[in-house]
C-alpha atoms as a PDB file:
ATOM      1  CA  MET A   1      29.581  79.817  70.517  1.00  0.00           C
ATOM      2  CA  ARG A   2      31.714  76.948  71.794  1.00  0.00           C
ATOM      3  CA  ILE A   3      29.890  73.598  71.572  1.00  0.00           C
ATOM      4  CA  SER A   4      30.958  70.314  73.164  1.00  0.00           C
ATOM      5  CA  VAL A   5      29.442  66.957  72.206  1.00  0.00           C
ATOM      6  CA  VAL A   6      29.164  64.157  74.786  1.00  0.00           C
ATOM      7  CA  ILE A   7      28.582  60.596  73.518  1.00  0.00           C
ATOM      8  CA  PRO A   8      28.044  57.776  76.063  1.00  0.00           C
ATOM      9  CA  THR A   9      29.112  54.411  74.613  1.00  0.00           C
ATOM     10  CA  TYR A  10      29.347  50.739  75.441  1.00  0.00           C
ATOM     11  CA  ASP A  11      30.355  48.287  72.706  1.00  0.00           C
ATOM     12  CA  GLU A  12      29.488  50.554  69.765  1.00  0.00           C
ATOM     13  CA  ALA A  13      32.395  49.600  67.485  1.00  0.00           C
ATOM     14  CA  GLY A  14      30.065  49.084  64.528  1.00  0.00           C
ATOM     15  CA  SER A  15      28.665  52.612  64.647  1.00  0.00           C
ATOM     16  CA  ILE A  16      30.894  55.035  66.536  1.00  0.00           C
ATOM     17  CA  ALA A  17      33.063  55.953  63.538  1.00  0.00           C
ATOM     18  CA  ARG A  18      30.023  56.986  61.496  1.00  0.00           C
ATOM     19  CA  VAL A  19      28.622  58.966  64.417  1.00  0.00           C
ATOM     20  CA  ILE A  20      31.833  60.944  64.921  1.00  0.00           C
ATOM     21  CA  ASP A  21      32.534  61.386  61.204  1.00  0.00           C
ATOM     22  CA  GLU A  22      29.091  62.915  60.579  1.00  0.00           C
ATOM     23  CA  ILE A  23      29.226  65.487  63.365  1.00  0.00           C
ATOM     24  CA  PRO A  24      29.423  68.908  61.623  1.00  0.00           C
ATOM     25  CA  ARG A  25      32.906  69.984  62.709  1.00  0.00           C
ATOM     26  CA  PRO A  26      32.505  73.695  61.884  1.00  0.00           C
ATOM     27  CA  LEU A  27      29.871  73.860  64.636  1.00  0.00           C
ATOM     28  CA  VAL A  28      31.705  71.796  67.253  1.00  0.00           C
ATOM     29  CA  ASP A  29      34.802  72.528  69.327  1.00  0.00           C
ATOM     30  CA  GLU A  30      35.279  69.147  70.981  1.00  0.00           C
ATOM     31  CA  ILE A  31      33.855  65.613  70.975  1.00  0.00           C
ATOM     32  CA  LEU A  32      33.960  63.543  74.155  1.00  0.00           C
ATOM     33  CA  VAL A  33      33.207  59.834  74.118  1.00  0.00           C
ATOM     34  CA  VAL A  34      32.461  58.499  77.608  1.00  0.00           C
ATOM     35  CA  ASP A  35      33.055  54.777  77.318  1.00  0.00           C
ATOM     36  CA  ALA A  36      31.887  52.229  79.875  1.00  0.00           C
ATOM     37  CA  GLY A  37      34.802  49.839  79.343  1.00  0.00           C
ATOM     38  CA  SER A  38      33.869  48.512  75.898  1.00  0.00           C
ATOM     39  CA  MET A  39      35.568  45.257  74.904  1.00  0.00           C
ATOM     40  CA  ASP A  40      35.094  45.641  71.137  1.00  0.00           C
ATOM     41  CA  GLY A  41      37.499  48.499  70.408  1.00  0.00           C
ATOM     42  CA  THR A  42      34.951  51.340  70.640  1.00  0.00           C
ATOM     43  CA  ALA A  43      37.332  53.606  72.560  1.00  0.00           C
ATOM     44  CA  GLU A  44      40.203  53.050  70.148  1.00  0.00           C
ATOM     45  CA  ILE A  45      38.022  53.756  67.112  1.00  0.00           C
ATOM     46  CA  ALA A  46      36.642  56.911  68.705  1.00  0.00           C
ATOM     47  CA  SER A  47      40.120  58.162  69.523  1.00  0.00           C
ATOM     48  CA  SER A  48      41.334  57.494  65.972  1.00  0.00           C
ATOM     49  CA  ARG A  49      38.448  59.638  64.668  1.00  0.00           C
ATOM     50  CA  GLY A  50      39.509  62.621  66.760  1.00  0.00           C
ATOM     51  CA  ALA A  51      37.323  62.233  69.848  1.00  0.00           C
ATOM     52  CA  ARG A  52      38.659  62.614  73.371  1.00  0.00           C
ATOM     53  CA  VAL A  53      37.855  59.376  75.193  1.00  0.00           C
ATOM     54  CA  ILE A  54      36.998  59.277  78.896  1.00  0.00           C
ATOM     55  CA  VAL A  55      36.747  55.774  80.375  1.00  0.00           C
ATOM     56  CA  GLU A  56      33.996  55.488  83.005  1.00  0.00           C
ATOM     57  CA  ARG A  57      33.659  51.823  83.906  1.00  0.00           C
ATOM     58  CA  ARG A  58      30.855  52.402  86.394  1.00  0.00           C
ATOM     59  CA  ARG A  59      27.637  51.821  84.508  1.00  0.00           C
ATOM     60  CA  GLY A  60      24.708  54.186  84.168  1.00  0.00           C
ATOM     61  CA  TYR A  61      23.534  56.530  81.428  1.00  0.00           C
ATOM     62  CA  GLY A  62      23.280  59.457  83.815  1.00  0.00           C
ATOM     63  CA  ARG A  63      26.697  58.709  85.244  1.00  0.00           C
ATOM     64  CA  ALA A  64      28.185  58.799  81.732  1.00  0.00           C
ATOM     65  CA  CYS A  65      26.545  62.163  80.997  1.00  0.00           C
ATOM     66  CA  LEU A  66      27.745  63.626  84.304  1.00  0.00           C
ATOM     67  CA  THR A  67      31.257  62.328  83.672  1.00  0.00           C
ATOM     68  CA  GLY A  68      31.207  63.995  80.266  1.00  0.00           C
ATOM     69  CA  LEU A  69      30.092  67.268  81.829  1.00  0.00           C
ATOM     70  CA  ALA A  70      32.943  67.066  84.300  1.00  0.00           C
ATOM     71  CA  HIS A  71      35.480  66.911  81.456  1.00  0.00           C
ATOM     72  CA  VAL A  72      34.207  69.451  78.899  1.00  0.00           C
ATOM     73  CA  ARG A  73      36.437  72.443  78.327  1.00  0.00           C
ATOM     74  CA  ASN A  74      34.323  75.462  79.229  1.00  0.00           C
ATOM     75  CA  PRO A  75      31.782  75.360  76.374  1.00  0.00           C
ATOM     76  CA  ASP A  76      28.799  77.622  75.887  1.00  0.00           C
ATOM     77  CA  ALA A  77      26.522  74.667  75.074  1.00  0.00           C
ATOM     78  CA  VAL A  78      26.675  70.883  75.329  1.00  0.00           C
ATOM     79  CA  VAL A  79      25.041  68.366  72.991  1.00  0.00           C
ATOM     80  CA  PHE A  80      24.283  64.808  74.119  1.00  0.00           C
ATOM     81  CA  LEU A  81      24.156  62.141  71.429  1.00  0.00           C
ATOM     82  CA  ASP A  82      23.970  58.337  71.504  1.00  0.00           C
ATOM     83  CA  GLY A  83      26.694  56.326  69.841  1.00  0.00           C
ATOM     84  CA  ASP A  84      24.497  53.831  67.957  1.00  0.00           C
ATOM     85  CA  TYR A  85      23.776  56.007  64.871  1.00  0.00           C
ATOM     86  CA  SER A  86      20.004  55.980  65.450  1.00  0.00           C
ATOM     87  CA  ASP A  87      20.067  59.767  65.619  1.00  0.00           C
ATOM     88  CA  ARG A  88      21.784  61.526  62.745  1.00  0.00           C
ATOM     89  CA  PRO A  89      24.697  63.714  63.916  1.00  0.00           C
ATOM     90  CA  ALA A  90      24.385  65.826  60.766  1.00  0.00           C
ATOM     91  CA  GLU A  91      21.182  67.275  62.283  1.00  0.00           C
ATOM     92  CA  LEU A  92      23.117  68.785  65.200  1.00  0.00           C
ATOM     93  CA  GLY A  93      22.792  72.263  63.694  1.00  0.00           C
ATOM     94  CA  ARG A  94      19.008  71.979  63.811  1.00  0.00           C
ATOM     95  CA  LEU A  95      19.198  71.022  67.483  1.00  0.00           C
ATOM     96  CA  VAL A  96      21.393  73.899  68.633  1.00  0.00           C
ATOM     97  CA  GLU A  97      19.823  76.599  66.445  1.00  0.00           C
ATOM     98  CA  PRO A  98      17.289  77.774  69.097  1.00  0.00           C
ATOM     99  CA  ILE A  99      20.160  78.122  71.590  1.00  0.00           C
ATOM    100  CA  LEU A 100      22.367  79.960  69.104  1.00  0.00           C
ATOM    101  CA  ARG A 101      19.690  82.569  68.442  1.00  0.00           C
ATOM    102  CA  GLY A 102      18.870  82.961  72.151  1.00  0.00           C
ATOM    103  CA  ALA A 103      15.387  81.433  71.989  1.00  0.00           C
ATOM    104  CA  ALA A 104      15.903  78.421  74.289  1.00  0.00           C
ATOM    105  CA  ASP A 105      18.030  77.144  77.158  1.00  0.00           C
ATOM    106  CA  ILE A 106      17.336  73.423  76.654  1.00  0.00           C
ATOM    107  CA  VAL A 107      16.411  71.815  73.328  1.00  0.00           C
ATOM    108  CA  LEU A 108      15.202  68.255  72.771  1.00  0.00           C
ATOM    109  CA  GLY A 109      15.127  66.369  69.504  1.00  0.00           C
ATOM    110  CA  SER A 110      11.667  64.889  68.955  1.00  0.00           C
ATOM    111  CA  ARG A 111      11.746  61.571  67.104  1.00  0.00           C
ATOM    112  CA  LEU A 112       7.979  61.149  67.323  1.00  0.00           C
ATOM    113  CA  ASN A 113       7.338  64.574  65.815  1.00  0.00           C
ATOM    114  CA  GLY A 114      10.054  64.186  63.200  1.00  0.00           C
ATOM    115  CA  GLY A 115      11.077  61.356  60.936  1.00  0.00           C
ATOM    116  CA  LEU A 116      10.642  58.104  62.860  1.00  0.00           C
ATOM    117  CA  ARG A 117      11.698  55.395  60.404  1.00  0.00           C
ATOM    118  CA  PRO A 118       9.830  52.074  60.318  1.00  0.00           C
ATOM    119  CA  GLY A 119      11.279  49.639  62.826  1.00  0.00           C
ATOM    120  CA  ALA A 120      13.447  52.245  64.543  1.00  0.00           C
ATOM    121  CA  MET A 121      11.494  52.078  67.832  1.00  0.00           C
ATOM    122  CA  PRO A 122       9.450  49.158  69.172  1.00  0.00           C
ATOM    123  CA  TRP A 123       5.847  49.922  70.082  1.00  0.00           C
ATOM    124  CA  HIS A 124       6.502  49.833  73.815  1.00  0.00           C
ATOM    125  CA  ALA A 125       9.242  52.456  73.470  1.00  0.00           C
ATOM    126  CA  VAL A 126       6.906  54.722  71.481  1.00  0.00           C
ATOM    127  CA  PHE A 127       4.182  54.283  74.101  1.00  0.00           C
ATOM    128  CA  GLY A 128       6.575  54.929  76.978  1.00  0.00           C
ATOM    129  CA  ASN A 129       7.932  58.116  75.446  1.00  0.00           C
ATOM    130  CA  ARG A 130       4.456  59.444  74.685  1.00  0.00           C
ATOM    131  CA  LEU A 131       3.424  58.698  78.273  1.00  0.00           C
ATOM    132  CA  ALA A 132       6.494  60.445  79.676  1.00  0.00           C
ATOM    133  CA  ALA A 133       5.915  63.495  77.469  1.00  0.00           C
ATOM    134  CA  ALA A 134       2.254  63.641  78.543  1.00  0.00           C
ATOM    135  CA  LEU A 135       3.205  63.519  82.233  1.00  0.00           C
ATOM    136  CA  ILE A 136       5.730  66.313  81.746  1.00  0.00           C
ATOM    137  CA  ARG A 137       3.098  68.452  80.007  1.00  0.00           C
ATOM    138  CA  TRP A 138       0.622  67.778  82.806  1.00  0.00           C
ATOM    139  CA  LEU A 139       2.935  68.195  85.798  1.00  0.00           C
ATOM    140  CA  TYR A 140       5.367  70.835  84.527  1.00  0.00           C
ATOM    141  CA  GLY A 141       3.515  72.688  81.776  1.00  0.00           C
ATOM    142  CA  VAL A 142       6.204  71.952  79.173  1.00  0.00           C
ATOM    143  CA  ARG A 143       4.743  70.947  75.824  1.00  0.00           C
ATOM    144  CA  LEU A 144       6.783  68.006  74.522  1.00  0.00           C
ATOM    145  CA  THR A 145       6.068  65.076  72.246  1.00  0.00           C
ATOM    146  CA  ASP A 146       9.093  62.902  73.050  1.00  0.00           C
ATOM    147  CA  VAL A 147      11.881  62.334  75.573  1.00  0.00           C
ATOM    148  CA  GLY A 148      14.737  61.350  73.283  1.00  0.00           C
ATOM    149  CA  PRO A 149      18.515  61.091  73.748  1.00  0.00           C
ATOM    150  CA  PHE A 150      19.483  63.805  71.222  1.00  0.00           C
ATOM    151  CA  ARG A 151      19.490  67.008  73.278  1.00  0.00           C
ATOM    152  CA  ALA A 152      21.368  70.240  73.858  1.00  0.00           C
ATOM    153  CA  ALA A 153      21.595  72.758  76.673  1.00  0.00           C
ATOM    154  CA  ARG A 154      23.465  75.877  77.600  1.00  0.00           C
ATOM    155  CA  TYR A 155      26.377  74.935  79.833  1.00  0.00           C
ATOM    156  CA  GLU A 156      25.563  77.508  82.498  1.00  0.00           C
ATOM    157  CA  VAL A 157      22.105  75.931  82.765  1.00  0.00           C
ATOM    158  CA  LEU A 158      23.628  72.483  83.213  1.00  0.00           C
ATOM    159  CA  ARG A 159      25.885  73.910  85.920  1.00  0.00           C
ATOM    160  CA  SER A 160      22.944  75.368  87.811  1.00  0.00           C
ATOM    161  CA  LEU A 161      20.621  72.364  87.966  1.00  0.00           C
ATOM    162  CA  CYS A 162      22.377  70.078  90.450  1.00  0.00           C
ATOM    163  CA  LEU A 163      21.982  67.110  88.108  1.00  0.00           C
ATOM    164  CA  ARG A 164      22.806  63.881  89.917  1.00  0.00           C
ATOM    165  CA  GLU A 165      20.714  61.026  88.503  1.00  0.00           C
ATOM    166  CA  LEU A 166      22.956  58.104  87.502  1.00  0.00           C
ATOM    167  CA  THR A 167      20.436  55.989  85.591  1.00  0.00           C
ATOM    168  CA  TYR A 168      18.134  56.572  82.617  1.00  0.00           C
ATOM    169  CA  GLY A 169      16.213  58.910  84.909  1.00  0.00           C
ATOM    170  CA  TRP A 170      18.804  61.493  83.873  1.00  0.00           C
ATOM    171  CA  ALA A 171      16.863  61.722  80.607  1.00  0.00           C
ATOM    172  CA  VAL A 172      14.058  63.539  82.414  1.00  0.00           C
ATOM    173  CA  GLU A 173      15.996  65.109  85.275  1.00  0.00           C
ATOM    174  CA  LEU A 174      17.361  67.786  82.941  1.00  0.00           C
ATOM    175  CA  ILE A 175      13.873  68.565  81.634  1.00  0.00           C
ATOM    176  CA  THR A 176      11.999  68.536  84.922  1.00  0.00           C
ATOM    177  CA  ARG A 177      14.548  70.421  86.970  1.00  0.00           C
ATOM    178  CA  GLY A 178      14.966  72.892  84.129  1.00  0.00           C
ATOM    179  CA  ALA A 179      11.219  73.481  84.029  1.00  0.00           C
ATOM    180  CA  THR A 180      11.086  73.931  87.809  1.00  0.00           C
ATOM    181  CA  ARG A 181      13.797  76.602  87.585  1.00  0.00           C
ATOM    182  CA  GLY A 182      11.952  78.429  84.802  1.00  0.00           C
ATOM    183  CA  TYR A 183      14.374  77.756  81.958  1.00  0.00           C
ATOM    184  CA  ARG A 184      13.088  77.846  78.388  1.00  0.00           C
ATOM    185  CA  ILE A 185      12.631  74.323  77.018  1.00  0.00           C
ATOM    186  CA  SER A 186      11.758  73.603  73.408  1.00  0.00           C
ATOM    187  CA  GLU A 187      11.959  70.744  70.932  1.00  0.00           C
ATOM    188  CA  VAL A 188      12.764  70.380  67.262  1.00  0.00           C
ATOM    189  CA  PRO A 189      11.927  67.463  64.947  1.00  0.00           C
ATOM    190  CA  VAL A 190      14.765  65.038  64.253  1.00  0.00           C
ATOM    191  CA  SER A 191      14.895  61.832  62.261  1.00  0.00           C
ATOM    192  CA  TYR A 192      15.344  58.493  63.992  1.00  0.00           C
ATOM    193  CA  HIS A 193      16.624  55.313  62.376  1.00  0.00           C
ATOM    194  CA  GLN A 194      17.268  51.700  63.225  1.00  0.00           C
ATOM    195  CA  ARG A 195      20.367  51.559  65.350  1.00  0.00           C
ATOM    196  CA  ILE A 196      23.503  49.706  64.352  1.00  0.00           C
ATOM    197  CA  GLY A 197      23.852  46.701  66.641  1.00  0.00           C
ATOM    198  CA  HIS A 198      21.572  45.407  69.362  1.00  0.00           C
ATOM    199  CA  SER A 199      19.788  47.773  71.751  1.00  0.00           C
ATOM    200  CA  LYS A 200      20.745  47.262  75.383  1.00  0.00           C
ATOM    201  CA  ILE A 201      17.516  48.880  76.564  1.00  0.00           C
ATOM    202  CA  SER A 202      14.530  48.735  74.205  1.00  0.00           C
ATOM    203  CA  GLY A 203      15.842  45.478  72.744  1.00  0.00           C
ATOM    204  CA  THR A 204      14.925  43.573  75.909  1.00  0.00           C
ATOM    205  CA  ILE A 205      11.794  43.500  78.054  1.00  0.00           C
ATOM    206  CA  ARG A 206      13.834  43.804  81.227  1.00  0.00           C
ATOM    207  CA  GLY A 207      15.785  46.767  79.895  1.00  0.00           C
ATOM    208  CA  SER A 208      12.653  48.531  78.673  1.00  0.00           C
ATOM    209  CA  ILE A 209      10.854  48.089  81.990  1.00  0.00           C
ATOM    210  CA  GLY A 210      13.886  49.252  83.961  1.00  0.00           C
ATOM    211  CA  ALA A 211      14.364  52.360  81.843  1.00  0.00           C
ATOM    212  CA  GLY A 212      10.637  53.110  82.001  1.00  0.00           C
ATOM    213  CA  ILE A 213      10.614  52.917  85.790  1.00  0.00           C
ATOM    214  CA  CYS A 214      13.607  55.259  86.001  1.00  0.00           C
ATOM    215  CA  ILE A 215      12.040  57.787  83.627  1.00  0.00           C
ATOM    216  CA  ILE A 216       8.490  57.817  85.015  1.00  0.00           C
ATOM    217  CA  GLY A 217       9.811  57.701  88.580  1.00  0.00           C
ATOM    218  CA  GLY A 218      12.094  60.635  87.845  1.00  0.00           C
ATOM    219  CA  ILE A 219       9.237  62.732  86.477  1.00  0.00           C
ATOM    220  CA  LEU A 220       7.196  62.191  89.630  1.00  0.00           C
ATOM    221  CA  LYS A 221      10.106  62.489  92.075  1.00  0.00           C
ATOM    222  CA  ASN A 222      11.400  65.746  90.654  1.00  0.00           C
ATOM    223  CA  ARG A 223       7.920  67.259  90.761  1.00  0.00           C
ATOM    224  CA  PHE A 224       7.115  66.473  94.379  1.00  0.00           C
ATOM    225  CA  ARG A 225      10.436  66.567  96.247  1.00  0.00           C
ATOM    226  CA  PRO A 226      12.009  69.823  97.514  1.00  0.00           C
ATOM    227  CA  ASP A 227      14.516  71.411  95.165  1.00  0.00           C
ATOM    228  CA  ALA A 228      18.150  70.725  96.085  1.00  0.00           C
ATOM    229  CA  PRO A 229      20.767  73.498  96.152  1.00  0.00           C
ATOM    230  CA  ALA A 230      22.615  74.064  92.900  1.00  0.00           C
ATOM    231  CA  THR A 231      26.119  72.688  92.416  1.00  0.00           C
ATOM    232  CA  GLU A 232      28.500  72.513  89.506  1.00  0.00           C
ATOM    233  CA  PRO A 233      28.525  69.257  87.536  1.00  0.00           C
ATOM    234  CA  GLY A 234      31.154  66.743  88.537  1.00  0.00           C
ATOM    235  CA  VAL A 235      31.987  63.093  88.215  1.00  0.00           C
ATOM    236  CA  ALA A 236      29.230  61.151  89.928  1.00  0.00           C
ATOM    237  CA  LYS A 237      30.380  59.365  93.091  1.00  0.00           C
END
């Protein structure tokens, strides 16, 4: 099975080398770093470690993921991974295992059901993720404990879902639209550690509130709006 890894980054020079170096290469065919115009040399470091770097200066987590999808080279599955070393890339095999054996279409890494290290997530981030997971269980019938950034999906599923969210709402768009289409969604426990560098989201009240609104709003919106026709993933306009 061909596996592509997509890593959105912005000023992750202190961590990106470790992230790329610890990805289990026997499992992975290509590594794409989608960089939002970092000024600290993130793109250059990523390229020197063997990643293919795509510069996407327009901001937005969802936009970065969609840009990565537009540039992967016909994989069977795609893994999404943050560039701050809070997730451990060495656990990628655990994440894709249900897809490899044909038991799941979308797999999420659960930090709250795995090894959440002390200080890795502030209390409001833990609360927000538990709330989001509870809403998804209630509205979509998918039993989750967390909505984390370490995730994998079959590429043909990603192609079918008409993903278009440009913000942190993309984190739940994949789950909710996948559930609506009847795809098999599961989670596996993963460890979660203090990130290298300062968090641009949970590290600030404004960032946390903004991300929370995008995520909760996405859960509700995708449940109650009509389903859009499927299109292939492309660079977000």
